[in-house]
Amino acid sequence: MKWIYLSLAILFEVAGTTSMKFSQGLTKPVPSILMFVFYSLAFSILSLALKKLEVGTAYAIWSGVGTALIVSIGIMFFDEVFTIRKIMFIGLIIVGVIGLNMSGTAH
C-alpha cells in the first residue's frame, strides 16, 4: 500500500505543477484552485506513504519521478526544448532514485 500511496502522491504533485503552469501566475481561477487541491492531496497522501517508507528514500523517489514526469509534460504539451542532454540528466535522476531505493534498509 505504501507504494500505491507514493505513486498517487507523485501523480497529484505532477497535476498540481501542471495546474500551476495553466494558472499563469495564479491569474486564472480554475487552474489556481486545482493547484491548491492537487498539492494538498499530494502532501496528504505522501504523509501516508511516510508511515512505512524512509523519508529520504520516499522524498527522493517523489521528487525524482515527479521531476522526470514534469519535464516530459513540458516537452510534450508546452513546447519546451527537447535535447539529448536533458534526457540524459533525467536518466541520471532516475538512476539516483533507483540507487537510493536499493540502498535503503529492508522492513
N, C-alpha and C. Protein backbone atom coordinates (compact mmCIF):
# COMPACT_ATOMS: atom_id res chain seq x y z
N MET A 1 0.82 -1.19 0.00
CA MET A 1 0.00 0.00 0.00
C MET A 1 0.87 1.27 0.00
N LYS A 2 2.04 1.18 0.64
CA LYS A 2 2.92 2.36 0.71
C LYS A 2 3.33 2.83 -0.68
N TRP A 3 3.55 1.90 -1.61
CA TRP A 3 3.96 2.27 -2.97
C TRP A 3 2.80 2.87 -3.74
N ILE A 4 1.59 2.41 -3.47
CA ILE A 4 0.40 2.99 -4.09
C ILE A 4 0.24 4.43 -3.61
N TYR A 5 0.40 4.64 -2.30
CA TYR A 5 0.31 6.00 -1.75
C TYR A 5 1.37 6.90 -2.38
N LEU A 6 2.59 6.40 -2.47
CA LEU A 6 3.67 7.21 -3.05
C LEU A 6 3.38 7.53 -4.52
N SER A 7 2.89 6.55 -5.26
CA SER A 7 2.55 6.78 -6.67
C SER A 7 1.45 7.81 -6.82
N LEU A 8 0.43 7.73 -5.99
CA LEU A 8 -0.66 8.71 -6.03
C LEU A 8 -0.15 10.10 -5.66
N ALA A 9 0.72 10.17 -4.65
CA ALA A 9 1.29 11.46 -4.25
C ALA A 9 2.06 12.08 -5.40
N ILE A 10 2.81 11.27 -6.12
CA ILE A 10 3.56 11.76 -7.28
C ILE A 10 2.61 12.29 -8.34
N LEU A 11 1.57 11.53 -8.65
CA LEU A 11 0.63 11.95 -9.69
C LEU A 11 -0.08 13.25 -9.31
N PHE A 12 -0.47 13.39 -8.04
CA PHE A 12 -1.12 14.63 -7.61
C PHE A 12 -0.15 15.81 -7.61
N GLU A 13 1.11 15.55 -7.28
CA GLU A 13 2.11 16.62 -7.33
C GLU A 13 2.33 17.09 -8.76
N VAL A 14 2.39 16.15 -9.69
CA VAL A 14 2.54 16.48 -11.10
C VAL A 14 1.30 17.25 -11.60
N ALA A 15 0.13 16.82 -11.17
CA ALA A 15 -1.11 17.54 -11.54
C ALA A 15 -1.09 18.95 -10.97
N GLY A 16 -0.59 19.10 -9.74
CA GLY A 16 -0.50 20.43 -9.13
C GLY A 16 0.46 21.34 -9.87
N THR A 17 1.60 20.80 -10.27
CA THR A 17 2.59 21.59 -11.00
C THR A 17 2.07 21.97 -12.39
N THR A 18 1.39 21.04 -13.04
CA THR A 18 0.79 21.32 -14.34
C THR A 18 -0.30 22.40 -14.20
N SER A 19 -1.09 22.30 -13.15
CA SER A 19 -2.11 23.32 -12.91
C SER A 19 -1.48 24.68 -12.65
N MET A 20 -0.32 24.67 -11.96
CA MET A 20 0.38 25.92 -11.72
C MET A 20 0.76 26.59 -13.04
N LYS A 21 1.22 25.79 -13.98
CA LYS A 21 1.57 26.32 -15.30
C LYS A 21 0.34 26.91 -15.97
N PHE A 22 -0.78 26.19 -15.92
CA PHE A 22 -2.01 26.66 -16.55
C PHE A 22 -2.60 27.89 -15.85
N SER A 23 -2.27 28.08 -14.56
CA SER A 23 -2.84 29.20 -13.80
C SER A 23 -2.26 30.55 -14.23
N GLN A 24 -1.15 30.52 -14.96
CA GLN A 24 -0.48 31.73 -15.44
C GLN A 24 -0.28 32.74 -14.31
N GLY A 25 0.47 32.28 -13.31
CA GLY A 25 0.79 33.16 -12.19
C GLY A 25 -0.40 33.42 -11.28
N LEU A 26 -1.24 32.43 -11.10
CA LEU A 26 -2.45 32.49 -10.28
C LEU A 26 -3.46 33.52 -10.79
N THR A 27 -3.44 33.79 -12.08
CA THR A 27 -4.40 34.74 -12.66
C THR A 27 -5.64 34.07 -13.22
N LYS A 28 -5.61 32.75 -13.36
CA LYS A 28 -6.77 32.01 -13.85
C LYS A 28 -7.34 31.21 -12.67
N PRO A 29 -8.59 31.46 -12.31
CA PRO A 29 -9.13 30.89 -11.08
C PRO A 29 -9.20 29.36 -11.03
N VAL A 30 -9.69 28.72 -12.07
CA VAL A 30 -9.88 27.26 -12.00
C VAL A 30 -8.54 26.53 -11.86
N PRO A 31 -7.56 26.79 -12.72
CA PRO A 31 -6.27 26.11 -12.51
C PRO A 31 -5.61 26.48 -11.19
N SER A 32 -5.83 27.70 -10.71
CA SER A 32 -5.25 28.10 -9.43
C SER A 32 -5.84 27.30 -8.28
N ILE A 33 -7.15 27.13 -8.29
CA ILE A 33 -7.81 26.33 -7.25
C ILE A 33 -7.38 24.88 -7.35
N LEU A 34 -7.34 24.36 -8.58
CA LEU A 34 -6.91 22.97 -8.77
C LEU A 34 -5.48 22.75 -8.27
N MET A 35 -4.62 23.74 -8.47
CA MET A 35 -3.24 23.63 -8.00
C MET A 35 -3.22 23.38 -6.49
N PHE A 36 -3.97 24.18 -5.73
CA PHE A 36 -4.00 24.02 -4.28
C PHE A 36 -4.63 22.69 -3.87
N VAL A 37 -5.67 22.27 -4.57
CA VAL A 37 -6.31 20.99 -4.27
C VAL A 37 -5.34 19.84 -4.52
N PHE A 38 -4.69 19.85 -5.69
CA PHE A 38 -3.77 18.76 -6.03
C PHE A 38 -2.57 18.72 -5.09
N TYR A 39 -2.00 19.87 -4.75
CA TYR A 39 -0.87 19.88 -3.83
C TYR A 39 -1.29 19.41 -2.43
N SER A 40 -2.48 19.80 -1.98
CA SER A 40 -2.97 19.33 -0.68
C SER A 40 -3.11 17.82 -0.67
N LEU A 41 -3.67 17.28 -1.74
CA LEU A 41 -3.80 15.82 -1.85
C LEU A 41 -2.43 15.16 -1.91
N ALA A 42 -1.51 15.74 -2.67
CA ALA A 42 -0.17 15.15 -2.81
C ALA A 42 0.52 15.05 -1.46
N PHE A 43 0.52 16.13 -0.70
CA PHE A 43 1.20 16.10 0.59
C PHE A 43 0.48 15.22 1.60
N SER A 44 -0.85 15.20 1.56
CA SER A 44 -1.60 14.34 2.48
C SER A 44 -1.32 12.87 2.20
N ILE A 45 -1.32 12.50 0.94
CA ILE A 45 -1.07 11.10 0.58
C ILE A 45 0.40 10.73 0.80
N LEU A 46 1.30 11.68 0.55
CA LEU A 46 2.71 11.43 0.84
C LEU A 46 2.91 11.14 2.32
N SER A 47 2.18 11.83 3.17
CA SER A 47 2.32 11.58 4.62
C SER A 47 1.87 10.17 4.98
N LEU A 48 0.92 9.62 4.25
CA LEU A 48 0.50 8.23 4.48
C LEU A 48 1.61 7.26 4.05
N ALA A 49 2.25 7.56 2.93
CA ALA A 49 3.35 6.71 2.46
C ALA A 49 4.51 6.74 3.45
N LEU A 50 4.73 7.89 4.09
CA LEU A 50 5.86 8.03 5.00
C LEU A 50 5.68 7.25 6.30
N LYS A 51 4.49 6.74 6.54
CA LYS A 51 4.29 5.88 7.72
C LYS A 51 5.12 4.60 7.59
N LYS A 52 5.36 4.15 6.35
CA LYS A 52 6.05 2.88 6.14
C LYS A 52 7.35 3.00 5.35
N LEU A 53 7.61 4.17 4.76
CA LEU A 53 8.82 4.34 3.95
C LEU A 53 9.79 5.29 4.66
N GLU A 54 11.08 5.09 4.40
CA GLU A 54 12.09 6.02 4.92
C GLU A 54 11.88 7.36 4.22
N VAL A 55 11.98 8.45 4.99
CA VAL A 55 11.68 9.77 4.44
C VAL A 55 12.64 10.15 3.31
N GLY A 56 13.92 9.84 3.45
CA GLY A 56 14.89 10.20 2.42
C GLY A 56 14.63 9.49 1.11
N THR A 57 14.37 8.21 1.21
CA THR A 57 14.10 7.42 0.01
C THR A 57 12.78 7.83 -0.63
N ALA A 58 11.74 7.99 0.19
CA ALA A 58 10.43 8.37 -0.34
C ALA A 58 10.49 9.73 -1.01
N TYR A 59 11.16 10.68 -0.38
CA TYR A 59 11.22 12.02 -0.95
C TYR A 59 12.05 12.03 -2.23
N ALA A 60 13.12 11.25 -2.26
CA ALA A 60 13.93 11.18 -3.48
C ALA A 60 13.11 10.61 -4.64
N ILE A 61 12.36 9.56 -4.37
CA ILE A 61 11.51 8.98 -5.41
C ILE A 61 10.43 9.96 -5.82
N TRP A 62 9.79 10.57 -4.84
CA TRP A 62 8.70 11.52 -5.10
C TRP A 62 9.19 12.68 -5.96
N SER A 63 10.29 13.27 -5.57
CA SER A 63 10.78 14.43 -6.31
C SER A 63 11.43 14.03 -7.64
N GLY A 64 12.16 12.92 -7.66
CA GLY A 64 12.83 12.49 -8.89
C GLY A 64 11.86 12.07 -9.98
N VAL A 65 10.92 11.23 -9.62
CA VAL A 65 9.94 10.77 -10.61
C VAL A 65 9.05 11.94 -11.02
N GLY A 66 8.67 12.77 -10.05
CA GLY A 66 7.87 13.95 -10.37
C GLY A 66 8.59 14.88 -11.34
N THR A 67 9.88 15.10 -11.10
CA THR A 67 10.67 15.95 -11.99
C THR A 67 10.72 15.36 -13.40
N ALA A 68 10.98 14.07 -13.50
CA ALA A 68 11.04 13.42 -14.81
C ALA A 68 9.69 13.54 -15.54
N LEU A 69 8.60 13.35 -14.82
CA LEU A 69 7.29 13.47 -15.45
C LEU A 69 6.99 14.90 -15.89
N ILE A 70 7.34 15.88 -15.06
CA ILE A 70 7.09 17.27 -15.41
C ILE A 70 7.91 17.70 -16.62
N VAL A 71 9.16 17.25 -16.68
CA VAL A 71 9.98 17.58 -17.87
C VAL A 71 9.34 16.97 -19.11
N SER A 72 8.86 15.74 -19.00
CA SER A 72 8.20 15.09 -20.14
C SER A 72 6.93 15.83 -20.55
N ILE A 73 6.14 16.25 -19.58
CA ILE A 73 4.93 17.01 -19.88
C ILE A 73 5.28 18.34 -20.54
N GLY A 74 6.33 18.99 -20.02
CA GLY A 74 6.76 20.25 -20.62
C GLY A 74 7.16 20.09 -22.07
N ILE A 75 7.86 19.02 -22.37
CA ILE A 75 8.29 18.76 -23.75
C ILE A 75 7.09 18.44 -24.64
N MET A 76 6.19 17.60 -24.14
CA MET A 76 5.07 17.15 -24.97
C MET A 76 3.96 18.18 -25.14
N PHE A 77 3.67 18.95 -24.08
CA PHE A 77 2.48 19.81 -24.12
C PHE A 77 2.76 21.31 -24.09
N PHE A 78 3.96 21.71 -23.65
CA PHE A 78 4.25 23.13 -23.52
C PHE A 78 5.39 23.58 -24.43
N ASP A 79 5.70 22.77 -25.40
CA ASP A 79 6.73 23.10 -26.40
C ASP A 79 8.08 23.48 -25.80
N GLU A 80 8.42 22.83 -24.69
CA GLU A 80 9.75 23.04 -24.12
C GLU A 80 10.78 22.30 -24.97
N VAL A 81 11.99 22.75 -24.91
CA VAL A 81 13.06 22.22 -25.76
C VAL A 81 13.39 20.79 -25.36
N PHE A 82 13.48 19.92 -26.36
CA PHE A 82 13.87 18.53 -26.18
C PHE A 82 15.34 18.42 -26.62
N THR A 83 16.21 18.05 -25.67
CA THR A 83 17.61 17.85 -26.02
C THR A 83 18.08 16.52 -25.46
N ILE A 84 19.10 15.98 -26.08
CA ILE A 84 19.68 14.73 -25.59
C ILE A 84 20.25 14.93 -24.18
N ARG A 85 20.87 16.08 -23.93
CA ARG A 85 21.41 16.35 -22.59
C ARG A 85 20.32 16.35 -21.54
N LYS A 86 19.18 16.95 -21.86
CA LYS A 86 18.06 16.98 -20.91
C LYS A 86 17.61 15.56 -20.58
N ILE A 87 17.46 14.73 -21.60
CA ILE A 87 17.05 13.35 -21.38
C ILE A 87 18.12 12.58 -20.60
N MET A 88 19.39 12.84 -20.90
CA MET A 88 20.48 12.18 -20.20
C MET A 88 20.44 12.51 -18.70
N PHE A 89 20.21 13.77 -18.37
CA PHE A 89 20.18 14.15 -16.96
C PHE A 89 18.93 13.63 -16.25
N ILE A 90 17.82 13.53 -16.95
CA ILE A 90 16.64 12.88 -16.36
C ILE A 90 16.96 11.42 -16.07
N GLY A 91 17.67 10.79 -16.98
CA GLY A 91 18.11 9.41 -16.75
C GLY A 91 18.98 9.29 -15.50
N LEU A 92 19.85 10.27 -15.30
CA LEU A 92 20.69 10.25 -14.09
C LEU A 92 19.85 10.41 -12.82
N ILE A 93 18.81 11.22 -12.89
CA ILE A 93 17.91 11.35 -11.74
C ILE A 93 17.27 10.00 -11.44
N ILE A 94 16.80 9.34 -12.47
CA ILE A 94 16.14 8.04 -12.29
C ILE A 94 17.13 7.01 -11.74
N VAL A 95 18.36 7.00 -12.25
CA VAL A 95 19.38 6.09 -11.73
C VAL A 95 19.64 6.38 -10.26
N GLY A 96 19.70 7.67 -9.89
CA GLY A 96 19.91 8.04 -8.49
C GLY A 96 18.77 7.58 -7.60
N VAL A 97 17.55 7.71 -8.07
CA VAL A 97 16.38 7.26 -7.31
C VAL A 97 16.43 5.75 -7.11
N ILE A 98 16.76 5.04 -8.17
CA ILE A 98 16.85 3.58 -8.07
C ILE A 98 17.96 3.19 -7.08
N GLY A 99 19.10 3.88 -7.18
CA GLY A 99 20.20 3.60 -6.26
C GLY A 99 19.82 3.85 -4.81
N LEU A 100 19.14 4.95 -4.54
CA LEU A 100 18.69 5.22 -3.17
C LEU A 100 17.72 4.16 -2.69
N ASN A 101 16.82 3.76 -3.56
CA ASN A 101 15.84 2.75 -3.19
C ASN A 101 16.51 1.42 -2.88
N MET A 102 17.51 1.08 -3.67
CA MET A 102 18.22 -0.20 -3.44
C MET A 102 19.11 -0.15 -2.21
N SER A 103 19.53 1.03 -1.80
CA SER A 103 20.41 1.12 -0.63
C SER A 103 19.65 1.26 0.68
N GLY A 104 18.33 1.40 0.61
CA GLY A 104 17.53 1.51 1.82
C GLY A 104 17.48 0.18 2.57
N THR A 105 17.14 0.28 3.84
CA THR A 105 17.04 -0.94 4.64
C THR A 105 15.72 -1.64 4.39
N ALA A 106 15.73 -2.94 4.42
CA ALA A 106 14.51 -3.72 4.22
C ALA A 106 13.69 -3.71 5.51
N HIS A 107 12.37 -3.64 5.36
CA HIS A 107 11.48 -3.65 6.53
C HIS A 107 10.65 -4.90 6.51
